[in-house]
All heavy atoms as atom14 arrays in JSON, in Angstrom:
{
  "sequence": "GGVYHVTAGLQARFGLDRVFDTLLDETTILGMAQGAGLLGFLP",
  "atom14_mask": [
    [1, 1, 1, 1, 0, 0, 0, 0, 0, 0, 0, 0, 0, 0],
    [1, 1, 1, 1, 0, 0, 0, 0, 0, 0, 0, 0, 0, 0],
    [1, 1, 1, 1, 1, 1, 1, 0, 0, 0, 0, 0, 0, 0],
    [1, 1, 1, 1, 1, 1, 1, 1, 1, 1, 1, 1, 0, 0],
    [1, 1, 1, 1, 1, 1, 1, 1, 1, 1, 0, 0, 0, 0],
    [1, 1, 1, 1, 1, 1, 1, 0, 0, 0, 0, 0, 0, 0],
    [1, 1, 1, 1, 1, 1, 1, 0, 0, 0, 0, 0, 0, 0],
    [1, 1, 1, 1, 1, 0, 0, 0, 0, 0, 0, 0, 0, 0],
    [1, 1, 1, 1, 0, 0, 0, 0, 0, 0, 0, 0, 0, 0],
    [1, 1, 1, 1, 1, 1, 1, 1, 0, 0, 0, 0, 0, 0],
    [1, 1, 1, 1, 1, 1, 1, 1, 1, 0, 0, 0, 0, 0],
    [1, 1, 1, 1, 1, 0, 0, 0, 0, 0, 0, 0, 0, 0],
    [1, 1, 1, 1, 1, 1, 1, 1, 1, 1, 1, 0, 0, 0],
    [1, 1, 1, 1, 1, 1, 1, 1, 1, 1, 1, 0, 0, 0],
    [1, 1, 1, 1, 0, 0, 0, 0, 0, 0, 0, 0, 0, 0],
    [1, 1, 1, 1, 1, 1, 1, 1, 0, 0, 0, 0, 0, 0],
    [1, 1, 1, 1, 1, 1, 1, 1, 0, 0, 0, 0, 0, 0],
    [1, 1, 1, 1, 1, 1, 1, 1, 1, 1, 1, 0, 0, 0],
    [1, 1, 1, 1, 1, 1, 1, 0, 0, 0, 0, 0, 0, 0],
    [1, 1, 1, 1, 1, 1, 1, 1, 1, 1, 1, 0, 0, 0],
    [1, 1, 1, 1, 1, 1, 1, 1, 0, 0, 0, 0, 0, 0],
    [1, 1, 1, 1, 1, 1, 1, 0, 0, 0, 0, 0, 0, 0],
    [1, 1, 1, 1, 1, 1, 1, 1, 0, 0, 0, 0, 0, 0],
    [1, 1, 1, 1, 1, 1, 1, 1, 0, 0, 0, 0, 0, 0],
    [1, 1, 1, 1, 1, 1, 1, 1, 0, 0, 0, 0, 0, 0],
    [1, 1, 1, 1, 1, 1, 1, 1, 1, 0, 0, 0, 0, 0],
    [1, 1, 1, 1, 1, 1, 1, 0, 0, 0, 0, 0, 0, 0],
    [1, 1, 1, 1, 1, 1, 1, 0, 0, 0, 0, 0, 0, 0],
    [1, 1, 1, 1, 1, 1, 1, 1, 0, 0, 0, 0, 0, 0],
    [1, 1, 1, 1, 1, 1, 1, 1, 0, 0, 0, 0, 0, 0],
    [1, 1, 1, 1, 0, 0, 0, 0, 0, 0, 0, 0, 0, 0],
    [1, 1, 1, 1, 1, 1, 1, 1, 0, 0, 0, 0, 0, 0],
    [1, 1, 1, 1, 1, 0, 0, 0, 0, 0, 0, 0, 0, 0],
    [1, 1, 1, 1, 1, 1, 1, 1, 1, 0, 0, 0, 0, 0],
    [1, 1, 1, 1, 0, 0, 0, 0, 0, 0, 0, 0, 0, 0],
    [1, 1, 1, 1, 1, 0, 0, 0, 0, 0, 0, 0, 0, 0],
    [1, 1, 1, 1, 0, 0, 0, 0, 0, 0, 0, 0, 0, 0],
    [1, 1, 1, 1, 1, 1, 1, 1, 0, 0, 0, 0, 0, 0],
    [1, 1, 1, 1, 1, 1, 1, 1, 0, 0, 0, 0, 0, 0],
    [1, 1, 1, 1, 0, 0, 0, 0, 0, 0, 0, 0, 0, 0],
    [1, 1, 1, 1, 1, 1, 1, 1, 1, 1, 1, 0, 0, 0],
    [1, 1, 1, 1, 1, 1, 1, 1, 0, 0, 0, 0, 0, 0],
    [1, 1, 1, 1, 1, 1, 1, 0, 0, 0, 0, 0, 0, 0]
  ],
  "atom14_positions": [
    [[96.49, 87.52, 144.97], [96.14, 86.16, 144.58], [95.07, 85.54, 145.45], [94.92, 84.31, 145.49], [0.0, 0.0, 0.0], [0.0, 0.0, 0.0], [0.0, 0.0, 0.0], [0.0, 0.0, 0.0], [0.0, 0.0, 0.0], [0.0, 0.0, 0.0], [0.0, 0.0, 0.0], [0.0, 0.0, 0.0], [0.0, 0.0, 0.0], [0.0, 0.0, 0.0]],
    [[94.29, 86.37, 146.14], [93.21, 85.87, 146.98], [93.65, 85.64, 148.41], [94.81, 85.35, 148.69], [0.0, 0.0, 0.0], [0.0, 0.0, 0.0], [0.0, 0.0, 0.0], [0.0, 0.0, 0.0], [0.0, 0.0, 0.0], [0.0, 0.0, 0.0], [0.0, 0.0, 0.0], [0.0, 0.0, 0.0], [0.0, 0.0, 0.0], [0.0, 0.0, 0.0]],
    [[92.71, 85.79, 149.33], [93.0, 85.58, 150.74], [93.51, 84.17, 150.98], [94.37, 83.94, 151.84], [91.73, 85.85, 151.58], [91.94, 85.47, 153.03], [91.32, 87.31, 151.48], [0.0, 0.0, 0.0], [0.0, 0.0, 0.0], [0.0, 0.0, 0.0], [0.0, 0.0, 0.0], [0.0, 0.0, 0.0], [0.0, 0.0, 0.0], [0.0, 0.0, 0.0]],
    [[93.03, 83.2, 150.23], [93.45, 81.81, 150.37], [94.29, 81.35, 149.19], [94.45, 80.16, 148.96], [92.21, 80.91, 150.55], [91.44, 81.26, 151.81], [90.32, 82.09, 151.75], [91.84, 80.79, 153.05], [89.62, 82.43, 152.9], [91.15, 81.12, 154.2], [90.05, 81.94, 154.12], [89.37, 82.28, 155.27], [0.0, 0.0, 0.0], [0.0, 0.0, 0.0]],
    [[94.79, 82.31, 148.41], [95.71, 82.06, 147.29], [95.08, 81.23, 146.17], [95.79, 80.6, 145.39], [97.0, 81.39, 147.79], [97.65, 82.15, 148.91], [98.2, 83.4, 148.74], [97.78, 81.84, 150.24], [98.67, 83.83, 149.91], [98.42, 82.91, 150.83], [0.0, 0.0, 0.0], [0.0, 0.0, 0.0], [0.0, 0.0, 0.0], [0.0, 0.0, 0.0]],
    [[93.76, 81.27, 146.08], [93.07, 80.49, 145.04], [93.27, 81.13, 143.66], [93.26, 80.43, 142.65], [91.57, 80.35, 145.37], [90.83, 79.59, 144.28], [91.41, 79.63, 146.71], [0.0, 0.0, 0.0], [0.0, 0.0, 0.0], [0.0, 0.0, 0.0], [0.0, 0.0, 0.0], [0.0, 0.0, 0.0], [0.0, 0.0, 0.0], [0.0, 0.0, 0.0]],
    [[93.48, 82.43, 143.61], [93.67, 83.11, 142.31], [95.13, 83.49, 142.08], [95.42, 84.33, 141.22], [92.78, 84.36, 142.23], [93.08, 85.23, 143.32], [91.31, 83.99, 142.27], [0.0, 0.0, 0.0], [0.0, 0.0, 0.0], [0.0, 0.0, 0.0], [0.0, 0.0, 0.0], [0.0, 0.0, 0.0], [0.0, 0.0, 0.0], [0.0, 0.0, 0.0]],
    [[96.02, 82.88, 142.82], [97.45, 83.21, 142.69], [97.94, 82.98, 141.26], [97.63, 81.97, 140.63], [98.27, 82.36, 143.66], [0.0, 0.0, 0.0], [0.0, 0.0, 0.0], [0.0, 0.0, 0.0], [0.0, 0.0, 0.0], [0.0, 0.0, 0.0], [0.0, 0.0, 0.0], [0.0, 0.0, 0.0], [0.0, 0.0, 0.0], [0.0, 0.0, 0.0]],
    [[98.69, 83.94, 140.76], [99.32, 83.82, 139.45], [98.45, 84.19, 138.27], [98.95, 84.32, 137.15], [0.0, 0.0, 0.0], [0.0, 0.0, 0.0], [0.0, 0.0, 0.0], [0.0, 0.0, 0.0], [0.0, 0.0, 0.0], [0.0, 0.0, 0.0], [0.0, 0.0, 0.0], [0.0, 0.0, 0.0], [0.0, 0.0, 0.0], [0.0, 0.0, 0.0]],
    [[97.15, 84.38, 138.49], [96.25, 84.66, 137.36], [96.51, 86.03, 136.76], [96.54, 86.19, 135.53], [94.79, 84.56, 137.81], [94.26, 83.18, 138.21], [92.82, 83.28, 138.69], [94.36, 82.21, 137.04], [0.0, 0.0, 0.0], [0.0, 0.0, 0.0], [0.0, 0.0, 0.0], [0.0, 0.0, 0.0], [0.0, 0.0, 0.0], [0.0, 0.0, 0.0]],
    [[96.7, 87.03, 137.6], [96.91, 88.37, 137.07], [98.22, 88.47, 136.31], [98.29, 89.1, 135.24], [96.88, 89.41, 138.2], [96.89, 90.85, 137.71], [96.79, 91.85, 138.84], [97.78, 92.16, 139.49], [95.57, 92.33, 139.09], [0.0, 0.0, 0.0], [0.0, 0.0, 0.0], [0.0, 0.0, 0.0], [0.0, 0.0, 0.0], [0.0, 0.0, 0.0]],
    [[99.26, 87.84, 136.84], [100.56, 87.87, 136.15], [100.47, 87.21, 134.78], [101.12, 87.63, 133.82], [101.61, 87.17, 137.0], [0.0, 0.0, 0.0], [0.0, 0.0, 0.0], [0.0, 0.0, 0.0], [0.0, 0.0, 0.0], [0.0, 0.0, 0.0], [0.0, 0.0, 0.0], [0.0, 0.0, 0.0], [0.0, 0.0, 0.0], [0.0, 0.0, 0.0]],
    [[99.64, 86.18, 134.67], [99.55, 85.43, 133.41], [98.59, 86.07, 132.42], [98.82, 86.04, 131.22], [99.14, 83.99, 133.7], [99.14, 83.07, 132.5], [99.28, 81.63, 132.91], [100.65, 81.3, 133.3], [101.01, 80.18, 133.94], [100.09, 79.32, 134.29], [102.26, 79.95, 134.24], [0.0, 0.0, 0.0], [0.0, 0.0, 0.0], [0.0, 0.0, 0.0]],
    [[97.49, 86.67, 132.9], [96.45, 87.14, 131.99], [96.26, 88.66, 131.97], [95.46, 89.16, 131.18], [95.12, 86.44, 132.3], [95.18, 84.95, 132.12], [95.29, 84.1, 133.22], [95.17, 84.38, 130.85], [95.36, 82.73, 133.06], [95.25, 83.01, 130.68], [95.35, 82.18, 131.79], [0.0, 0.0, 0.0], [0.0, 0.0, 0.0], [0.0, 0.0, 0.0]],
    [[96.95, 89.37, 132.83], [96.94, 90.82, 132.73], [95.93, 91.5, 133.64], [94.97, 90.91, 134.13], [0.0, 0.0, 0.0], [0.0, 0.0, 0.0], [0.0, 0.0, 0.0], [0.0, 0.0, 0.0], [0.0, 0.0, 0.0], [0.0, 0.0, 0.0], [0.0, 0.0, 0.0], [0.0, 0.0, 0.0], [0.0, 0.0, 0.0], [0.0, 0.0, 0.0]],
    [[96.15, 92.81, 133.82], [95.35, 93.62, 134.74], [93.92, 93.83, 134.27], [93.04, 94.14, 135.08], [96.02, 94.98, 134.94], [97.33, 94.98, 135.74], [98.04, 96.31, 135.57], [97.05, 94.71, 137.21], [0.0, 0.0, 0.0], [0.0, 0.0, 0.0], [0.0, 0.0, 0.0], [0.0, 0.0, 0.0], [0.0, 0.0, 0.0], [0.0, 0.0, 0.0]],
    [[93.67, 93.73, 132.97], [92.32, 93.97, 132.47], [91.43, 92.74, 132.53], [90.22, 92.84, 132.37], [92.36, 94.5, 131.03], [92.39, 96.02, 130.99], [91.67, 96.63, 131.79], [93.15, 96.57, 130.18], [0.0, 0.0, 0.0], [0.0, 0.0, 0.0], [0.0, 0.0, 0.0], [0.0, 0.0, 0.0], [0.0, 0.0, 0.0], [0.0, 0.0, 0.0]],
    [[92.03, 91.57, 132.77], [91.21, 90.36, 132.86], [91.16, 89.78, 134.27], [90.23, 89.04, 134.59], [91.74, 89.3, 131.88], [91.63, 89.72, 130.41], [91.88, 88.55, 129.49], [90.92, 87.5, 129.68], [91.14, 86.21, 129.37], [92.3, 85.85, 128.86], [90.2, 85.31, 129.58], [0.0, 0.0, 0.0], [0.0, 0.0, 0.0], [0.0, 0.0, 0.0]],
    [[92.13, 90.12, 135.08], [92.15, 89.69, 136.48], [92.46, 90.93, 137.31], [93.58, 91.44, 137.27], [93.19, 88.59, 136.72], [93.16, 88.15, 138.19], [92.96, 87.39, 135.8], [0.0, 0.0, 0.0], [0.0, 0.0, 0.0], [0.0, 0.0, 0.0], [0.0, 0.0, 0.0], [0.0, 0.0, 0.0], [0.0, 0.0, 0.0], [0.0, 0.0, 0.0]],
    [[91.48, 91.42, 138.05], [91.7, 92.72, 138.69], [91.02, 92.8, 140.05], [90.03, 92.11, 140.33], [91.22, 93.86, 137.79], [89.8, 93.73, 137.3], [88.75, 94.32, 137.98], [89.51, 93.02, 136.13], [87.43, 94.2, 137.52], [88.21, 92.91, 135.66], [87.17, 93.5, 136.36], [0.0, 0.0, 0.0], [0.0, 0.0, 0.0], [0.0, 0.0, 0.0]],
    [[91.6, 93.66, 140.88], [91.04, 93.92, 142.2], [89.95, 94.98, 142.1], [90.03, 95.9, 141.28], [92.14, 94.42, 143.14], [93.18, 93.35, 143.43], [92.79, 92.2, 143.68], [94.39, 93.68, 143.41], [0.0, 0.0, 0.0], [0.0, 0.0, 0.0], [0.0, 0.0, 0.0], [0.0, 0.0, 0.0], [0.0, 0.0, 0.0], [0.0, 0.0, 0.0]],
    [[88.96, 94.85, 142.94], [87.87, 95.83, 142.99], [87.93, 96.59, 144.31], [88.7, 96.24, 145.22], [86.51, 95.13, 142.9], [86.33, 94.32, 144.08], [86.41, 94.26, 141.66], [0.0, 0.0, 0.0], [0.0, 0.0, 0.0], [0.0, 0.0, 0.0], [0.0, 0.0, 0.0], [0.0, 0.0, 0.0], [0.0, 0.0, 0.0], [0.0, 0.0, 0.0]],
    [[87.12, 97.59, 144.42], [86.99, 98.27, 145.71], [86.25, 97.34, 146.68], [85.68, 96.32, 146.29], [86.28, 99.61, 145.55], [84.9, 99.65, 144.86], [83.79, 99.28, 145.81], [84.65, 101.03, 144.3], [0.0, 0.0, 0.0], [0.0, 0.0, 0.0], [0.0, 0.0, 0.0], [0.0, 0.0, 0.0], [0.0, 0.0, 0.0], [0.0, 0.0, 0.0]],
    [[86.25, 97.72, 147.92], [85.71, 96.87, 148.98], [84.19, 97.05, 149.07], [83.68, 97.71, 149.96], [86.37, 97.23, 150.31], [86.17, 96.23, 151.46], [87.04, 95.01, 151.26], [86.5, 96.9, 152.8], [0.0, 0.0, 0.0], [0.0, 0.0, 0.0], [0.0, 0.0, 0.0], [0.0, 0.0, 0.0], [0.0, 0.0, 0.0], [0.0, 0.0, 0.0]],
    [[83.48, 96.47, 148.12], [82.02, 96.62, 148.11], [81.42, 95.52, 147.25], [81.59, 95.5, 146.03], [81.62, 98.0, 147.57], [80.12, 98.17, 147.52], [79.46, 97.9, 148.53], [79.61, 98.56, 146.46], [0.0, 0.0, 0.0], [0.0, 0.0, 0.0], [0.0, 0.0, 0.0], [0.0, 0.0, 0.0], [0.0, 0.0, 0.0], [0.0, 0.0, 0.0]],
    [[80.69, 94.62, 147.89], [80.11, 93.49, 147.17], [79.03, 93.92, 146.18], [78.86, 93.3, 145.13], [79.53, 92.47, 148.16], [80.58, 91.66, 148.91], [81.34, 92.47, 149.95], [80.77, 93.46, 150.47], [82.5, 92.11, 150.26], [0.0, 0.0, 0.0], [0.0, 0.0, 0.0], [0.0, 0.0, 0.0], [0.0, 0.0, 0.0], [0.0, 0.0, 0.0]],
    [[78.3, 94.99, 146.5], [77.3, 95.5, 145.57], [77.97, 95.91, 144.26], [77.48, 95.61, 143.16], [76.56, 96.7, 146.18], [75.8, 96.24, 147.3], [75.63, 97.35, 145.17], [0.0, 0.0, 0.0], [0.0, 0.0, 0.0], [0.0, 0.0, 0.0], [0.0, 0.0, 0.0], [0.0, 0.0, 0.0], [0.0, 0.0, 0.0], [0.0, 0.0, 0.0]],
    [[79.1, 96.59, 144.36], [79.83, 96.99, 143.16], [80.38, 95.79, 142.41], [80.33, 95.74, 141.17], [80.97, 97.95, 143.54], [80.41, 99.16, 144.07], [81.83, 98.29, 142.34], [0.0, 0.0, 0.0], [0.0, 0.0, 0.0], [0.0, 0.0, 0.0], [0.0, 0.0, 0.0], [0.0, 0.0, 0.0], [0.0, 0.0, 0.0], [0.0, 0.0, 0.0]],
    [[80.91, 94.82, 143.14], [81.46, 93.62, 142.48], [80.39, 92.95, 141.63], [80.62, 92.61, 140.46], [82.01, 92.64, 143.53], [83.25, 93.23, 144.22], [82.36, 91.29, 142.89], [83.72, 92.43, 145.43], [0.0, 0.0, 0.0], [0.0, 0.0, 0.0], [0.0, 0.0, 0.0], [0.0, 0.0, 0.0], [0.0, 0.0, 0.0], [0.0, 0.0, 0.0]],
    [[79.2, 92.77, 142.2], [78.14, 92.1, 141.46], [77.56, 93.0, 140.38], [77.09, 92.51, 139.34], [77.06, 91.62, 142.43], [77.54, 90.53, 143.4], [76.47, 90.21, 144.43], [77.96, 89.28, 142.65], [0.0, 0.0, 0.0], [0.0, 0.0, 0.0], [0.0, 0.0, 0.0], [0.0, 0.0, 0.0], [0.0, 0.0, 0.0], [0.0, 0.0, 0.0]],
    [[77.57, 94.3, 140.6], [77.16, 95.22, 139.54], [78.11, 95.17, 138.37], [77.7, 95.17, 137.19], [0.0, 0.0, 0.0], [0.0, 0.0, 0.0], [0.0, 0.0, 0.0], [0.0, 0.0, 0.0], [0.0, 0.0, 0.0], [0.0, 0.0, 0.0], [0.0, 0.0, 0.0], [0.0, 0.0, 0.0], [0.0, 0.0, 0.0], [0.0, 0.0, 0.0]],
    [[79.41, 95.13, 138.64], [80.41, 95.0, 137.58], [80.19, 93.7, 136.8], [80.31, 93.68, 135.57], [81.81, 94.99, 138.19], [82.25, 96.32, 138.76], [82.58, 97.52, 137.47], [83.08, 98.93, 138.47], [0.0, 0.0, 0.0], [0.0, 0.0, 0.0], [0.0, 0.0, 0.0], [0.0, 0.0, 0.0], [0.0, 0.0, 0.0], [0.0, 0.0, 0.0]],
    [[79.86, 92.64, 137.51], [79.63, 91.36, 136.84], [78.41, 91.42, 135.92], [78.44, 90.91, 134.79], [79.44, 90.26, 137.9], [0.0, 0.0, 0.0], [0.0, 0.0, 0.0], [0.0, 0.0, 0.0], [0.0, 0.0, 0.0], [0.0, 0.0, 0.0], [0.0, 0.0, 0.0], [0.0, 0.0, 0.0], [0.0, 0.0, 0.0], [0.0, 0.0, 0.0]],
    [[77.34, 92.04, 136.39], [76.14, 92.13, 135.56], [76.4, 92.92, 134.28], [76.01, 92.51, 133.19], [75.01, 92.79, 136.34], [74.47, 91.94, 137.47], [73.49, 92.71, 138.31], [72.33, 92.91, 137.93], [73.92, 93.15, 139.48], [0.0, 0.0, 0.0], [0.0, 0.0, 0.0], [0.0, 0.0, 0.0], [0.0, 0.0, 0.0], [0.0, 0.0, 0.0]],
    [[77.06, 94.07, 134.43], [77.34, 94.89, 133.26], [78.22, 94.18, 132.27], [77.99, 94.21, 131.05], [0.0, 0.0, 0.0], [0.0, 0.0, 0.0], [0.0, 0.0, 0.0], [0.0, 0.0, 0.0], [0.0, 0.0, 0.0], [0.0, 0.0, 0.0], [0.0, 0.0, 0.0], [0.0, 0.0, 0.0], [0.0, 0.0, 0.0], [0.0, 0.0, 0.0]],
    [[79.27, 93.51, 132.77], [80.18, 92.79, 131.89], [79.47, 91.64, 131.19], [79.62, 91.42, 129.98], [81.37, 92.27, 132.69], [0.0, 0.0, 0.0], [0.0, 0.0, 0.0], [0.0, 0.0, 0.0], [0.0, 0.0, 0.0], [0.0, 0.0, 0.0], [0.0, 0.0, 0.0], [0.0, 0.0, 0.0], [0.0, 0.0, 0.0], [0.0, 0.0, 0.0]],
    [[78.66, 90.89, 131.95], [77.94, 89.76, 131.35], [76.94, 90.22, 130.3], [76.78, 89.57, 129.26], [0.0, 0.0, 0.0], [0.0, 0.0, 0.0], [0.0, 0.0, 0.0], [0.0, 0.0, 0.0], [0.0, 0.0, 0.0], [0.0, 0.0, 0.0], [0.0, 0.0, 0.0], [0.0, 0.0, 0.0], [0.0, 0.0, 0.0], [0.0, 0.0, 0.0]],
    [[76.28, 91.32, 130.56], [75.29, 91.85, 129.62], [75.92, 92.19, 128.27], [75.29, 92.03, 127.22], [74.64, 93.09, 130.23], [73.47, 93.72, 129.5], [72.3, 92.76, 129.43], [73.05, 95.01, 130.2], [0.0, 0.0, 0.0], [0.0, 0.0, 0.0], [0.0, 0.0, 0.0], [0.0, 0.0, 0.0], [0.0, 0.0, 0.0], [0.0, 0.0, 0.0]],
    [[77.17, 92.62, 128.29], [77.85, 93.03, 127.05], [78.57, 91.89, 126.36], [79.15, 92.09, 125.29], [78.84, 94.15, 127.36], [78.22, 95.53, 127.62], [79.3, 96.53, 127.96], [77.4, 96.01, 126.44], [0.0, 0.0, 0.0], [0.0, 0.0, 0.0], [0.0, 0.0, 0.0], [0.0, 0.0, 0.0], [0.0, 0.0, 0.0], [0.0, 0.0, 0.0]],
    [[78.58, 90.71, 126.94], [79.2, 89.57, 126.26], [80.43, 89.0, 126.91], [80.98, 87.99, 126.45], [0.0, 0.0, 0.0], [0.0, 0.0, 0.0], [0.0, 0.0, 0.0], [0.0, 0.0, 0.0], [0.0, 0.0, 0.0], [0.0, 0.0, 0.0], [0.0, 0.0, 0.0], [0.0, 0.0, 0.0], [0.0, 0.0, 0.0], [0.0, 0.0, 0.0]],
    [[80.89, 89.62, 127.99], [81.97, 89.02, 128.76], [81.42, 87.84, 129.57], [80.2, 87.68, 129.71], [82.58, 90.04, 129.72], [83.49, 91.04, 129.07], [83.08, 92.35, 128.89], [84.76, 90.67, 128.64], [83.92, 93.29, 128.29], [85.61, 91.61, 128.04], [85.19, 92.91, 127.86], [0.0, 0.0, 0.0], [0.0, 0.0, 0.0], [0.0, 0.0, 0.0]],
    [[82.32, 87.04, 130.11], [81.91, 85.95, 130.99], [82.59, 86.18, 132.35], [83.7, 85.71, 132.59], [82.31, 84.59, 130.41], [81.39, 83.44, 130.81], [81.61, 82.23, 129.93], [81.55, 83.07, 132.27], [0.0, 0.0, 0.0], [0.0, 0.0, 0.0], [0.0, 0.0, 0.0], [0.0, 0.0, 0.0], [0.0, 0.0, 0.0], [0.0, 0.0, 0.0]],
    [[81.93, 86.94, 133.21], [82.55, 87.31, 134.48], [82.54, 86.18, 135.5], [81.56, 85.43, 135.62], [81.7, 88.49, 134.95], [80.39, 88.33, 134.26], [80.65, 87.62, 132.97], [0.0, 0.0, 0.0], [0.0, 0.0, 0.0], [0.0, 0.0, 0.0], [0.0, 0.0, 0.0], [0.0, 0.0, 0.0], [0.0, 0.0, 0.0], [0.0, 0.0, 0.0]]
  ]
}
């Protein structure tokens, strides 16, 4: 739920495919966001 608990409860409510943990790499996090946004998701 986040280091400061800002995202607490989101995964339980919306599922693993919409609220998920990533590997420890900011480049990958932002790459995932770009790909998802390009296809019509709102990351």
